[in-house]
C-alpha atoms as a PDB file:
ATOM      1  CA  UNK A   1     103.613 -43.679-101.489  1.00  0.00           C
ATOM      2  CA  UNK A   2     105.544 -46.043-103.725  1.00  0.00           C
ATOM      3  CA  UNK A   3     108.958 -45.163-102.319  1.00  0.00           C
ATOM      4  CA  UNK A   4     107.888 -45.943 -98.774  1.00  0.00           C
ATOM      5  CA  UNK A   5     105.955 -49.027 -99.805  1.00  0.00           C
ATOM      6  CA  UNK A   6     108.851 -50.317-101.871  1.00  0.00           C
ATOM      7  CA  UNK A   7     111.195 -50.031 -98.916  1.00  0.00           C
ATOM      8  CA  UNK A   8     108.710 -52.035 -96.909  1.00  0.00           C
ATOM      9  CA  UNK A   9     109.343 -55.252 -98.844  1.00  0.00           C
ATOM     10  CA  UNK A  10     113.060 -54.656 -99.224  1.00  0.00           C
ATOM     11  CA  UNK A  11     113.349 -54.025 -95.497  1.00  0.00           C
ATOM     12  CA  UNK A  12     111.780 -57.322 -94.419  1.00  0.00           C
ATOM     13  CA  UNK A  13     113.778 -59.413 -96.881  1.00  0.00           C
ATOM     14  CA  UNK A  14     117.027 -57.622 -96.074  1.00  0.00           C
ATOM     15  CA  UNK A  15     116.347 -57.925 -92.338  1.00  0.00           C
ATOM     16  CA  UNK A  16     115.755 -61.669 -92.539  1.00  0.00           C
ATOM     17  CA  UNK A  17     118.738 -62.234 -94.792  1.00  0.00           C
ATOM     18  CA  UNK A  18     121.062 -60.504 -92.359  1.00  0.00           C
ATOM     19  CA  UNK A  19     119.471 -62.168 -89.359  1.00  0.00           C
ATOM     20  CA  UNK A  20     120.130 -65.562 -90.920  1.00  0.00           C
ATOM     21  CA  UNK A  21     123.778 -64.889 -91.702  1.00  0.00           C
ATOM     22  CA  UNK A  22     124.910 -66.381 -88.393  1.00  0.00           C
ATOM     23  CA  UNK A  23     122.154 -68.962 -87.798  1.00  0.00           C
ATOM     24  CA  UNK A  24     120.764 -70.969 -90.726  1.00  0.00           C
ATOM     25  CA  UNK A  25     116.959 -70.732 -90.834  1.00  0.00           C
ATOM     26  CA  UNK A  26     115.292 -73.395 -92.996  1.00  0.00           C
ATOM     27  CA  UNK A  27     111.715 -72.286 -93.665  1.00  0.00           C
ATOM     28  CA  UNK A  28     110.177 -75.625 -92.636  1.00  0.00           C
ATOM     29  CA  UNK A  29     111.486 -75.455 -89.067  1.00  0.00           C
ATOM     30  CA  UNK A  30     108.901 -73.060 -87.636  1.00  0.00           C
ATOM     31  CA  UNK A  31     107.725 -74.560 -84.375  1.00  0.00           C
ATOM     32  CA  UNK A  32     104.487 -76.533 -84.514  1.00  0.00           C
ATOM     33  CA  UNK A  33     101.580 -75.014 -82.594  1.00  0.00           C
ATOM     34  CA  UNK A  34      99.119 -76.678 -80.221  1.00  0.00           C
ATOM     35  CA  UNK A  35      95.579 -75.625 -79.346  1.00  0.00           C
ATOM     36  CA  UNK A  36      95.423 -73.058 -76.527  1.00  0.00           C
ATOM     37  CA  UNK A  37      92.366 -71.152 -75.325  1.00  0.00           C
ATOM     38  CA  UNK A  38      93.171 -67.414 -75.630  1.00  0.00           C
ATOM     39  CA  UNK A  39      90.461 -66.584 -73.105  1.00  0.00           C
ATOM     40  CA  UNK A  40      91.838 -68.838 -70.350  1.00  0.00           C
ATOM     41  CA  UNK A  41      92.437 -66.694 -67.236  1.00  0.00           C
ATOM     42  CA  UNK A  42      95.936 -65.639 -66.194  1.00  0.00           C
ATOM     43  CA  UNK A  43      96.575 -63.720 -62.945  1.00  0.00           C
ATOM     44  CA  UNK A  44      96.897 -60.011 -63.735  1.00  0.00           C
ATOM     45  CA  UNK A  45     100.136 -59.788 -61.777  1.00  0.00           C
ATOM     46  CA  UNK A  46     101.701 -62.431 -64.014  1.00  0.00           C
ATOM     47  CA  UNK A  47     100.336 -61.392 -67.415  1.00  0.00           C
ATOM     48  CA  UNK A  48     102.661 -60.125 -70.147  1.00  0.00           C
ATOM     49  CA  UNK A  49     102.022 -58.027 -73.260  1.00  0.00           C
ATOM     50  CA  UNK A  50     103.855 -58.849 -76.482  1.00  0.00           C
ATOM     51  CA  UNK A  51     104.259 -55.467 -78.184  1.00  0.00           C
ATOM     52  CA  UNK A  52     105.152 -56.705 -81.675  1.00  0.00           C
ATOM     53  CA  UNK A  53     103.670 -59.648 -83.604  1.00  0.00           C
ATOM     54  CA  UNK A  54     102.766 -60.174 -87.265  1.00  0.00           C
ATOM     55  CA  UNK A  55      99.872 -62.438 -88.263  1.00  0.00           C
ATOM     56  CA  UNK A  56      98.562 -63.599 -91.613  1.00  0.00           C
ATOM     57  CA  UNK A  57      96.374 -66.411 -93.006  1.00  0.00           C
ATOM     58  CA  UNK A  58      97.245 -69.020 -95.594  1.00  0.00           C
ATOM     59  CA  UNK A  59      97.567 -67.813 -99.152  1.00  0.00           C
ATOM     60  CA  UNK A  60      94.379 -68.035-101.186  1.00  0.00           C
ATOM     61  CA  UNK A  61      91.966 -66.796 -98.548  1.00  0.00           C
ATOM     62  CA  UNK A  62      89.799 -63.687 -98.767  1.00  0.00           C
ATOM     63  CA  UNK A  63      92.814 -61.499 -97.957  1.00  0.00           C
ATOM     64  CA  UNK A  64      94.773 -60.741-101.164  1.00  0.00           C
ATOM     65  CA  UNK A  65      98.487 -60.029-101.127  1.00  0.00           C
ATOM     66  CA  UNK A  66      99.843 -56.699-102.284  1.00  0.00           C
ATOM     67  CA  UNK A  67     100.743 -56.695-105.973  1.00  0.00           C
ATOM     68  CA  UNK A  68     104.510 -57.028-105.450  1.00  0.00           C
ATOM     69  CA  UNK A  69     104.169 -60.228-103.407  1.00  0.00           C
ATOM     70  CA  UNK A  70     103.394 -63.802-104.431  1.00  0.00           C
ATOM     71  CA  UNK A  71     102.768 -67.011-102.535  1.00  0.00           C
ATOM     72  CA  UNK A  72     106.495 -67.882-102.538  1.00  0.00           C
ATOM     73  CA  UNK A  73     107.202 -64.743-100.494  1.00  0.00           C
ATOM     74  CA  UNK A  74     104.914 -65.856 -97.668  1.00  0.00           C
ATOM     75  CA  UNK A  75     107.151 -67.708 -95.194  1.00  0.00           C
ATOM     76  CA  UNK A  76     105.922 -69.340 -93.051  1.00  0.00           C
ATOM     77  CA  UNK A  77     102.757 -70.207 -94.985  1.00  0.00           C
ATOM     78  CA  UNK A  78     100.648 -68.694 -92.215  1.00  0.00           C
ATOM     79  CA  UNK A  79     100.877 -67.323 -88.714  1.00  0.00           C
ATOM     80  CA  UNK A  80      97.377 -66.930 -87.378  1.00  0.00           C
ATOM     81  CA  UNK A  81      96.204 -65.866 -83.920  1.00  0.00           C
ATOM     82  CA  UNK A  82      95.618 -69.516 -83.023  1.00  0.00           C
ATOM     83  CA  UNK A  83      99.212 -70.347 -83.946  1.00  0.00           C
ATOM     84  CA  UNK A  84     100.412 -67.383 -81.918  1.00  0.00           C
ATOM     85  CA  UNK A  85      98.374 -68.379 -78.848  1.00  0.00           C
ATOM     86  CA  UNK A  86     100.018 -71.796 -78.810  1.00  0.00           C
ATOM     87  CA  UNK A  87     103.366 -70.101 -78.248  1.00  0.00           C
ATOM     88  CA  UNK A  88     102.479 -67.129 -76.084  1.00  0.00           C
ATOM     89  CA  UNK A  89      99.765 -68.316 -73.700  1.00  0.00           C
ATOM     90  CA  UNK A  90     101.909 -70.978 -71.971  1.00  0.00           C
ATOM     91  CA  UNK A  91     104.291 -68.088 -71.146  1.00  0.00           C
ATOM     92  CA  UNK A  92     101.393 -66.035 -69.681  1.00  0.00           C
ATOM     93  CA  UNK A  93     101.362 -63.548 -72.533  1.00  0.00           C
ATOM     94  CA  UNK A  94      97.726 -62.501 -72.596  1.00  0.00           C
ATOM     95  CA  UNK A  95      97.652 -59.440 -74.861  1.00  0.00           C
ATOM     96  CA  UNK A  96      99.427 -58.623 -78.095  1.00  0.00           C
ATOM     97  CA  UNK A  97     100.113 -55.638 -80.330  1.00  0.00           C
ATOM     98  CA  UNK A  98      99.595 -56.705 -83.940  1.00  0.00           C
ATOM     99  CA  UNK A  99     101.792 -55.037 -86.551  1.00  0.00           C
ATOM    100  CA  UNK A 100     100.393 -54.843 -90.072  1.00  0.00           C
ATOM    101  CA  UNK A 101     102.220 -57.352 -92.246  1.00  0.00           C
ATOM    102  CA  UNK A 102     103.895 -56.011 -95.377  1.00  0.00           C
ATOM    103  CA  UNK A 103     102.414 -58.824 -97.508  1.00  0.00           C
ATOM    104  CA  UNK A 104      99.150 -56.834 -97.539  1.00  0.00           C
ATOM    105  CA  UNK A 105     100.485 -53.353 -98.219  1.00  0.00           C
ATOM    106  CA  UNK A 106      98.003 -50.704 -97.061  1.00  0.00           C
ATOM    107  CA  UNK A 107      95.139 -53.189 -96.720  1.00  0.00           C
ATOM    108  CA  UNK A 108      94.855 -53.654 -92.952  1.00  0.00           C
ATOM    109  CA  UNK A 109      91.728 -55.823 -93.180  1.00  0.00           C
ATOM    110  CA  UNK A 110      93.138 -59.063 -91.787  1.00  0.00           C
ATOM    111  CA  UNK A 111      94.678 -57.362 -88.770  1.00  0.00           C
ATOM    112  CA  UNK A 112      91.448 -55.459 -88.103  1.00  0.00           C
ATOM    113  CA  UNK A 113      89.394 -58.649 -88.374  1.00  0.00           C
ATOM    114  CA  UNK A 114      91.669 -60.308 -85.807  1.00  0.00           C
ATOM    115  CA  UNK A 115      91.213 -57.380 -83.407  1.00  0.00           C
ATOM    116  CA  UNK A 116      87.448 -57.653 -83.783  1.00  0.00           C
ATOM    117  CA  UNK A 117      87.404 -61.433 -83.383  1.00  0.00           C
ATOM    118  CA  UNK A 118      89.373 -61.371 -80.115  1.00  0.00           C
ATOM    119  CA  UNK A 119      88.149 -58.307 -78.220  1.00  0.00           C
ATOM    120  CA  UNK A 120      90.460 -57.073 -75.497  1.00  0.00           C
ATOM    121  CA  UNK A 121      93.377 -59.242 -76.604  1.00  0.00           C
ATOM    122  CA  UNK A 122      94.780 -57.341 -79.570  1.00  0.00           C
ATOM    123  CA  UNK A 123      95.727 -53.752 -80.315  1.00  0.00           C
ATOM    124  CA  UNK A 124      96.864 -52.749 -83.783  1.00  0.00           C
ATOM    125  CA  UNK A 125      99.612 -50.850 -85.593  1.00  0.00           C
ATOM    126  CA  UNK A 126      98.474 -50.135 -89.151  1.00  0.00           C
ATOM    127  CA  UNK A 127     100.244 -49.105 -92.344  1.00  0.00           C
ATOM    128  CA  UNK A 128      98.625 -46.281 -94.307  1.00  0.00           C
ATOM    129  CA  UNK A 129      99.508 -44.175 -97.331  1.00  0.00           C
ATOM    130  CA  UNK A 130     100.592 -40.825 -95.928  1.00  0.00           C
ATOM    131  CA  UNK A 131     100.140 -39.261 -99.390  1.00  0.00           C
ATOM    132  CA  UNK A 132      96.399 -39.915 -99.432  1.00  0.00           C
ATOM    133  CA  UNK A 133      94.019 -36.952 -99.369  1.00  0.00           C
ATOM    134  CA  UNK A 134      92.489 -37.572 -95.926  1.00  0.00           C
ATOM    135  CA  UNK A 135      95.172 -38.932 -93.619  1.00  0.00           C
ATOM    136  CA  UNK A 136      93.469 -37.665 -90.479  1.00  0.00           C
ATOM    137  CA  UNK A 137      90.117 -39.166 -91.480  1.00  0.00           C
ATOM    138  CA  UNK A 138      91.738 -42.546 -92.087  1.00  0.00           C
ATOM    139  CA  UNK A 139      93.505 -42.401 -88.722  1.00  0.00           C
ATOM    140  CA  UNK A 140      90.279 -41.469 -86.941  1.00  0.00           C
ATOM    141  CA  UNK A 141      88.402 -44.370 -88.525  1.00  0.00           C
ATOM    142  CA  UNK A 142      91.164 -46.869 -87.754  1.00  0.00           C
ATOM    143  CA  UNK A 143      91.356 -45.736 -84.143  1.00  0.00           C
ATOM    144  CA  UNK A 144      87.701 -46.715 -83.724  1.00  0.00           C
ATOM    145  CA  UNK A 145      88.699 -50.219 -84.837  1.00  0.00           C
ATOM    146  CA  UNK A 146      91.510 -50.667 -82.326  1.00  0.00           C
ATOM    147  CA  UNK A 147      94.501 -49.109 -84.106  1.00  0.00           C
ATOM    148  CA  UNK A 148      96.804 -47.301 -81.692  1.00  0.00           C
ATOM    149  CA  UNK A 149      99.812 -46.761 -83.919  1.00  0.00           C
ATOM    150  CA  UNK A 150     101.177 -46.539 -87.465  1.00  0.00           C
ATOM    151  CA  UNK A 151     104.247 -48.221 -88.841  1.00  0.00           C
ATOM    152  CA  UNK A 152     106.713 -46.057 -90.720  1.00  0.00           C
ATOM    153  CA  UNK A 153     109.601 -47.630 -92.649  1.00  0.00           C
ATOM    154  CA  UNK A 154     112.357 -45.351 -91.458  1.00  0.00           C
ATOM    155  CA  UNK A 155     115.433 -45.812 -93.568  1.00  0.00           C
ATOM    156  CA  UNK A 156     117.649 -42.773 -93.948  1.00  0.00           C
ATOM    157  CA  UNK A 157     116.277 -41.761 -97.357  1.00  0.00           C
ATOM    158  CA  UNK A 158     112.647 -41.994 -96.280  1.00  0.00           C
ATOM    159  CA  UNK A 159     113.228 -40.031 -93.088  1.00  0.00           C
ATOM    160  CA  UNK A 160     114.970 -37.291 -95.070  1.00  0.00           C
ATOM    161  CA  UNK A 161     111.925 -37.004 -97.334  1.00  0.00           C
ATOM    162  CA  UNK A 162     109.563 -36.892 -94.361  1.00  0.00           C
ATOM    163  CA  UNK A 163     111.047 -33.631 -93.107  1.00  0.00           C
ATOM    164  CA  UNK A 164     109.023 -31.811 -95.794  1.00  0.00           C
ATOM    165  CA  UNK A 165     106.107 -34.225 -96.163  1.00  0.00           C
ATOM    166  CA  UNK A 166     102.664 -32.756 -95.571  1.00  0.00           C
ATOM    167  CA  UNK A 167     101.227 -36.236 -95.012  1.00  0.00           C
ATOM    168  CA  UNK A 168     103.816 -37.186 -92.389  1.00  0.00           C
ATOM    169  CA  UNK A 169     103.211 -33.869 -90.652  1.00  0.00           C
ATOM    170  CA  UNK A 170      99.481 -34.644 -90.602  1.00  0.00           C
ATOM    171  CA  UNK A 171     100.148 -38.108 -89.147  1.00  0.00           C
ATOM    172  CA  UNK A 172     102.313 -36.690 -86.359  1.00  0.00           C
ATOM    173  CA  UNK A 173      99.867 -33.887 -85.581  1.00  0.00           C
ATOM    174  CA  UNK A 174      96.816 -36.118 -85.515  1.00  0.00           C
ATOM    175  CA  UNK A 175      98.688 -38.797 -83.596  1.00  0.00           C
ATOM    176  CA  UNK A 176      99.395 -36.241 -80.882  1.00  0.00           C
ATOM    177  CA  UNK A 177      95.681 -35.445 -80.692  1.00  0.00           C
ATOM    178  CA  UNK A 178      94.440 -39.039 -80.626  1.00  0.00           C
ATOM    179  CA  UNK A 179      97.242 -40.753 -78.695  1.00  0.00           C
ATOM    180  CA  UNK A 180      98.256 -42.860 -81.686  1.00  0.00           C
ATOM    181  CA  UNK A 181     101.964 -43.666 -81.899  1.00  0.00           C
ATOM    182  CA  UNK A 182     104.350 -43.326 -84.812  1.00  0.00           C
ATOM    183  CA  UNK A 183     106.176 -46.683 -84.810  1.00  0.00           C
ATOM    184  CA  UNK A 184     109.534 -46.571 -86.556  1.00  0.00           C
ATOM    185  CA  UNK A 185     111.170 -49.589 -88.166  1.00  0.00           C
ATOM    186  CA  UNK A 186     114.404 -47.643 -88.325  1.00  0.00           C
ATOM    187  CA  UNK A 187     118.004 -48.159 -89.285  1.00  0.00           C
ATOM    188  CA  UNK A 188     120.672 -46.671 -86.999  1.00  0.00           C
ATOM    189  CA  UNK A 189     121.699 -44.062 -89.572  1.00  0.00           C
ATOM    190  CA  UNK A 190     118.109 -42.743 -89.634  1.00  0.00           C
ATOM    191  CA  UNK A 191     118.158 -41.788 -85.937  1.00  0.00           C
ATOM    192  CA  UNK A 192     119.315 -38.178 -86.508  1.00  0.00           C
ATOM    193  CA  UNK A 193     116.395 -37.634 -88.893  1.00  0.00           C
ATOM    194  CA  UNK A 194     113.994 -39.172 -86.395  1.00  0.00           C
ATOM    195  CA  UNK A 195     115.384 -36.808 -83.769  1.00  0.00           C
ATOM    196  CA  UNK A 196     114.458 -33.883 -86.016  1.00  0.00           C
ATOM    197  CA  UNK A 197     110.894 -35.179 -86.271  1.00  0.00           C
ATOM    198  CA  UNK A 198     110.689 -35.556 -82.493  1.00  0.00           C
ATOM    199  CA  UNK A 199     111.935 -31.987 -82.089  1.00  0.00           C
ATOM    200  CA  UNK A 200     109.184 -30.731 -84.382  1.00  0.00           C
ATOM    201  CA  UNK A 201     106.458 -32.869 -82.808  1.00  0.00           C
ATOM    202  CA  UNK A 202     107.226 -33.112 -79.086  1.00  0.00           C
ATOM    203  CA  UNK A 203     103.688 -34.199 -78.155  1.00  0.00           C
ATOM    204  CA  UNK A 204     103.575 -37.182 -80.526  1.00  0.00           C
ATOM    205  CA  UNK A 205     104.344 -40.646 -79.182  1.00  0.00           C
ATOM    206  CA  UNK A 206     107.198 -42.260 -81.136  1.00  0.00           C
ATOM    207  CA  UNK A 207     108.092 -45.933 -80.716  1.00  0.00           C
ATOM    208  CA  UNK A 208     111.426 -47.240 -82.015  1.00  0.00           C
ATOM    209  CA  UNK A 209     111.109 -50.879 -83.077  1.00  0.00           C
ATOM    210  CA  UNK A 210     113.772 -53.520 -82.386  1.00  0.00           C
ATOM    211  CA  UNK A 211     116.425 -51.248 -80.801  1.00  0.00           C
ATOM    212  CA  UNK A 212     116.497 -49.364 -84.130  1.00  0.00           C
ATOM    213  CA  UNK A 213     118.048 -52.625 -85.433  1.00  0.00           C
ATOM    214  CA  UNK A 214     121.334 -51.867 -83.688  1.00  0.00           C
ATOM    215  CA  UNK A 215     123.385 -55.070 -83.690  1.00  0.00           C
ATOM    216  CA  UNK A 216     121.748 -56.517 -86.784  1.00  0.00           C
ATOM    217  CA  UNK A 217     125.152 -56.896 -88.454  1.00  0.00           C
ATOM    218  CA  UNK A 218     126.777 -58.405 -85.377  1.00  0.00           C
ATOM    219  CA  UNK A 219     128.165 -56.590 -82.384  1.00  0.00           C
ATOM    220  CA  UNK A 220     126.460 -53.510 -80.965  1.00  0.00           C
ATOM    221  CA  UNK A 221     128.175 -50.346 -82.178  1.00  0.00           C
ATOM    222  CA  UNK A 222     128.699 -47.798 -79.410  1.00  0.00           C
ATOM    223  CA  UNK A 223     128.107 -44.751 -81.610  1.00  0.00           C
ATOM    224  CA  UNK A 224     124.785 -46.138 -82.797  1.00  0.00           C
ATOM    225  CA  UNK A 225     123.681 -46.914 -79.253  1.00  0.00           C
ATOM    226  CA  UNK A 226     124.737 -43.422 -78.172  1.00  0.00           C
ATOM    227  CA  UNK A 227     122.564 -41.948 -80.917  1.00  0.00           C
ATOM    228  CA  UNK A 228     119.558 -44.010 -79.812  1.00  0.00           C
ATOM    229  CA  UNK A 229     120.056 -43.005 -76.182  1.00  0.00           C
ATOM    230  CA  UNK A 230     120.028 -39.340 -77.184  1.00  0.00           C
ATOM    231  CA  UNK A 231     116.362 -39.749 -78.099  1.00  0.00           C
ATOM    232  CA  UNK A 232     115.666 -40.258 -74.386  1.00  0.00           C
ATOM    233  CA  UNK A 233     115.573 -36.469 -73.945  1.00  0.00           C
ATOM    234  CA  UNK A 234     112.169 -36.545 -75.663  1.00  0.00           C
ATOM    235  CA  UNK A 235     109.700 -37.836 -73.051  1.00  0.00           C
ATOM    236  CA  UNK A 236     107.296 -39.259 -75.644  1.00  0.00           C
ATOM    237  CA  UNK A 237     109.879 -41.576 -77.260  1.00  0.00           C
ATOM    238  CA  UNK A 238     109.773 -45.295 -76.411  1.00  0.00           C
ATOM    239  CA  UNK A 239     111.958 -48.254 -77.476  1.00  0.00           C
ATOM    240  CA  UNK A 240     111.025 -51.876 -78.106  1.00  0.00           C
ATOM    241  CA  UNK A 241     113.531 -54.396 -76.734  1.00  0.00           C
ATOM    242  CA  UNK A 242     112.680 -57.025 -79.300  1.00  0.00           C
ATOM    243  CA  UNK A 243     113.726 -59.276 -82.203  1.00  0.00           C
ATOM    244  CA  UNK A 244     116.522 -60.883 -80.195  1.00  0.00           C
ATOM    245  CA  UNK A 245     116.874 -63.640 -82.812  1.00  0.00           C
ATOM    246  CA  UNK A 246     118.133 -61.058 -85.327  1.00  0.00           C
ATOM    247  CA  UNK A 247     120.582 -59.017 -83.262  1.00  0.00           C
ATOM    248  CA  UNK A 248     124.065 -59.435 -81.842  1.00  0.00           C
ATOM    249  CA  UNK A 249     125.153 -63.071 -81.745  1.00  0.00           C
ATOM    250  CA  UNK A 250     121.620 -64.116 -82.838  1.00  0.00           C
ATOM    251  CA  UNK A 251     121.787 -67.061 -80.487  1.00  0.00           C
ATOM    252  CA  UNK A 252     119.777 -67.959 -77.390  1.00  0.00           C
ATOM    253  CA  UNK A 253     119.893 -67.094 -74.539  1.00  0.00           C
ATOM    254  CA  UNK A 254     120.774 -63.692 -76.128  1.00  0.00           C
ATOM    255  CA  UNK A 255     122.633 -62.505 -73.041  1.00  0.00           C
ATOM    256  CA  UNK A 256     125.029 -60.509 -75.226  1.00  0.00           C
ATOM    257  CA  UNK A 257     122.125 -58.043 -75.640  1.00  0.00           C
ATOM    258  CA  UNK A 258     121.739 -57.415 -71.906  1.00  0.00           C
ATOM    259  CA  UNK A 259     124.300 -54.557 -71.809  1.00  0.00           C
ATOM    260  CA  UNK A 260     122.284 -52.743 -74.486  1.00  0.00           C
ATOM    261  CA  UNK A 261     119.045 -53.245 -72.555  1.00  0.00           C
ATOM    262  CA  UNK A 262     120.728 -51.989 -69.384  1.00  0.00           C
ATOM    263  CA  UNK A 263     122.071 -48.918 -71.169  1.00  0.00           C
ATOM    264  CA  UNK A 264     118.606 -48.129 -72.527  1.00  0.00           C
ATOM    265  CA  UNK A 265     117.067 -48.641 -69.085  1.00  0.00           C
ATOM    266  CA  UNK A 266     119.541 -46.125 -67.699  1.00  0.00           C
ATOM    267  CA  UNK A 267     118.729 -43.622 -70.466  1.00  0.00           C
ATOM    268  CA  UNK A 268     114.971 -44.000 -70.912  1.00  0.00           C
ATOM    269  CA  UNK A 269     113.876 -45.667 -67.705  1.00  0.00           C
ATOM    270  CA  UNK A 270     112.024 -48.976 -67.754  1.00  0.00           C
ATOM    271  CA  UNK A 271     108.729 -47.118 -68.123  1.00  0.00           C
ATOM    272  CA  UNK A 272     109.690 -46.250 -71.711  1.00  0.00           C
ATOM    273  CA  UNK A 273     110.929 -49.689 -72.765  1.00  0.00           C
ATOM    274  CA  UNK A 274     108.675 -52.531 -73.879  1.00  0.00           C
ATOM    275  CA  UNK A 275     109.395 -56.177 -74.588  1.00  0.00           C
ATOM    276  CA  UNK A 276     108.244 -57.803 -77.809  1.00  0.00           C
ATOM    277  CA  UNK A 277     108.922 -61.043 -79.654  1.00  0.00           C
ATOM    278  CA  UNK A 278     108.618 -60.125 -83.369  1.00  0.00           C
ATOM    279  CA  UNK A 279     106.793 -63.374 -84.009  1.00  0.00           C
ATOM    280  CA  UNK A 280     106.618 -65.463 -86.098  1.00  0.00           C
ATOM    281  CA  UNK A 281     110.334 -64.978 -86.725  1.00  0.00           C
ATOM    282  CA  UNK A 282     111.188 -65.475 -83.059  1.00  0.00           C
ATOM    283  CA  UNK A 283     109.783 -69.030 -83.191  1.00  0.00           C
ATOM    284  CA  UNK A 284     111.840 -70.071 -86.204  1.00  0.00           C
ATOM    285  CA  UNK A 285     113.973 -72.975 -84.877  1.00  0.00           C
ATOM    286  CA  UNK A 286     116.353 -72.993 -83.137  1.00  0.00           C
ATOM    287  CA  UNK A 287     114.816 -69.837 -81.646  1.00  0.00           C
ATOM    288  CA  UNK A 288     111.845 -70.085 -79.292  1.00  0.00           C
ATOM    289  CA  UNK A 289     109.241 -67.806 -77.785  1.00  0.00           C
ATOM    290  CA  UNK A 290     110.291 -68.802 -74.304  1.00  0.00           C
ATOM    291  CA  UNK A 291     113.894 -67.736 -74.841  1.00  0.00           C
ATOM    292  CA  UNK A 292     112.721 -64.264 -75.820  1.00  0.00           C
ATOM    293  CA  UNK A 293     110.560 -63.851 -72.700  1.00  0.00           C
ATOM    294  CA  UNK A 294     113.236 -65.277 -70.429  1.00  0.00           C
ATOM    295  CA  UNK A 295     115.897 -62.759 -71.443  1.00  0.00           C
ATOM    296  CA  UNK A 296     113.977 -59.935 -69.778  1.00  0.00           C
ATOM    297  CA  UNK A 297     111.986 -61.877 -67.198  1.00  0.00           C
ATOM    298  CA  UNK A 298     114.757 -64.090 -65.820  1.00  0.00           C
ATOM    299  CA  UNK A 299     118.186 -62.983 -67.059  1.00  0.00           C
ATOM    300  CA  UNK A 300     118.161 -59.192 -66.736  1.00  0.00           C
ATOM    301  CA  UNK A 301     119.187 -59.227 -63.065  1.00  0.00           C
ATOM    302  CA  UNK A 302     119.841 -55.468 -63.089  1.00  0.00           C
ATOM    303  CA  UNK A 303     116.067 -54.875 -63.312  1.00  0.00           C
ATOM    304  CA  UNK A 304     114.096 -54.645 -60.092  1.00  0.00           C
ATOM    305  CA  UNK A 305     110.615 -56.132 -59.886  1.00  0.00           C
ATOM    306  CA  UNK A 306     108.818 -52.955 -60.932  1.00  0.00           C
ATOM    307  CA  UNK A 307     111.195 -52.326 -63.841  1.00  0.00           C
ATOM    308  CA  UNK A 308     110.703 -55.879 -65.027  1.00  0.00           C
ATOM    309  CA  UNK A 309     106.938 -55.448 -64.920  1.00  0.00           C
ATOM    310  CA  UNK A 310     107.123 -52.146 -66.798  1.00  0.00           C
ATOM    311  CA  UNK A 311     109.091 -53.660 -69.669  1.00  0.00           C
ATOM    312  CA  UNK A 312     107.002 -56.840 -69.838  1.00  0.00           C
ATOM    313  CA  UNK A 313     103.589 -55.167 -69.667  1.00  0.00           C
ATOM    314  CA  UNK A 314     103.252 -51.713 -68.122  1.00  0.00           C
ATOM    315  CA  UNK A 315     104.742 -49.657 -70.930  1.00  0.00           C
ATOM    316  CA  UNK A 316     102.833 -51.401 -73.705  1.00  0.00           C
ATOM    317  CA  UNK A 317      99.665 -51.172 -71.595  1.00  0.00           C
ATOM    318  CA  UNK A 318      99.914 -47.385 -71.505  1.00  0.00           C
ATOM    319  CA  UNK A 319     100.995 -46.866 -75.119  1.00  0.00           C
ATOM    320  CA  UNK A 320      98.798 -49.402 -76.922  1.00  0.00           C
ATOM    321  CA  UNK A 321      95.954 -50.402 -74.589  1.00  0.00           C
ATOM    322  CA  UNK A 322      95.437 -47.556 -72.155  1.00  0.00           C
ATOM    323  CA  UNK A 323      93.300 -45.191 -74.237  1.00  0.00           C
END
């Protein structure tokens, strides 16, 4: 799956380059962690789920990078579960959905080891080669190890190819059987193609990452938001309200994104939206983890208490932890 894999690395670099166009992001400014016990109790009523985090160890460990990456590509040098806990636990974020990091290609070993090391805390979204001979077997095995979704790099060209891909069809069909989600890192112009996939596979859970990156180039475009809202007619489609550092004005407290969140709440209902940080990039100074949580928890005054709870934990609980 070289085309899909190649887009993976281009996507992350392009995303970060655009996100930094408004706010300079020196690599050495990632916030310093402190030691926090991930098992420390938090009242259930107050706990939050972060639905999108990447983790990786320092270069040179037992986890080799994919062939197209080198040590200079790994910024920050690491973002381990312990580093994550230092940011999220003070904000009462007790569970996290780990997203396979592109540095490792199709080798999900580090993410799987983290899930095993911290039982009950992590769920996983893996990256697999949909052109392999036994897609369903791979998905079945990964589900046993805590994987509840698969990341698909949904630019317009890739999505067009997927319409006739036997492997993608197998992923969608098996995902519908096992409750594993297809998680789309999509561009706005790919939404029509995603809609076609949803039409063909109405029983498969589809999660749109980061508002489909609407607002990445600045202001939110109404036609793009309209296209995303049209996906609400499919009851198994969900949207992550996430990566605030990279969208709109790209500046805390990110209140310019509230109209988009409100519009999506009106279209999908809070029970199909989920908050996520997209760490470690959300803790790249001057951005902070707290500012990301606070946008939904404290500043979205159009959300009632139940809607707030759905976005901060309930939706992710059902999609990534409830099976």
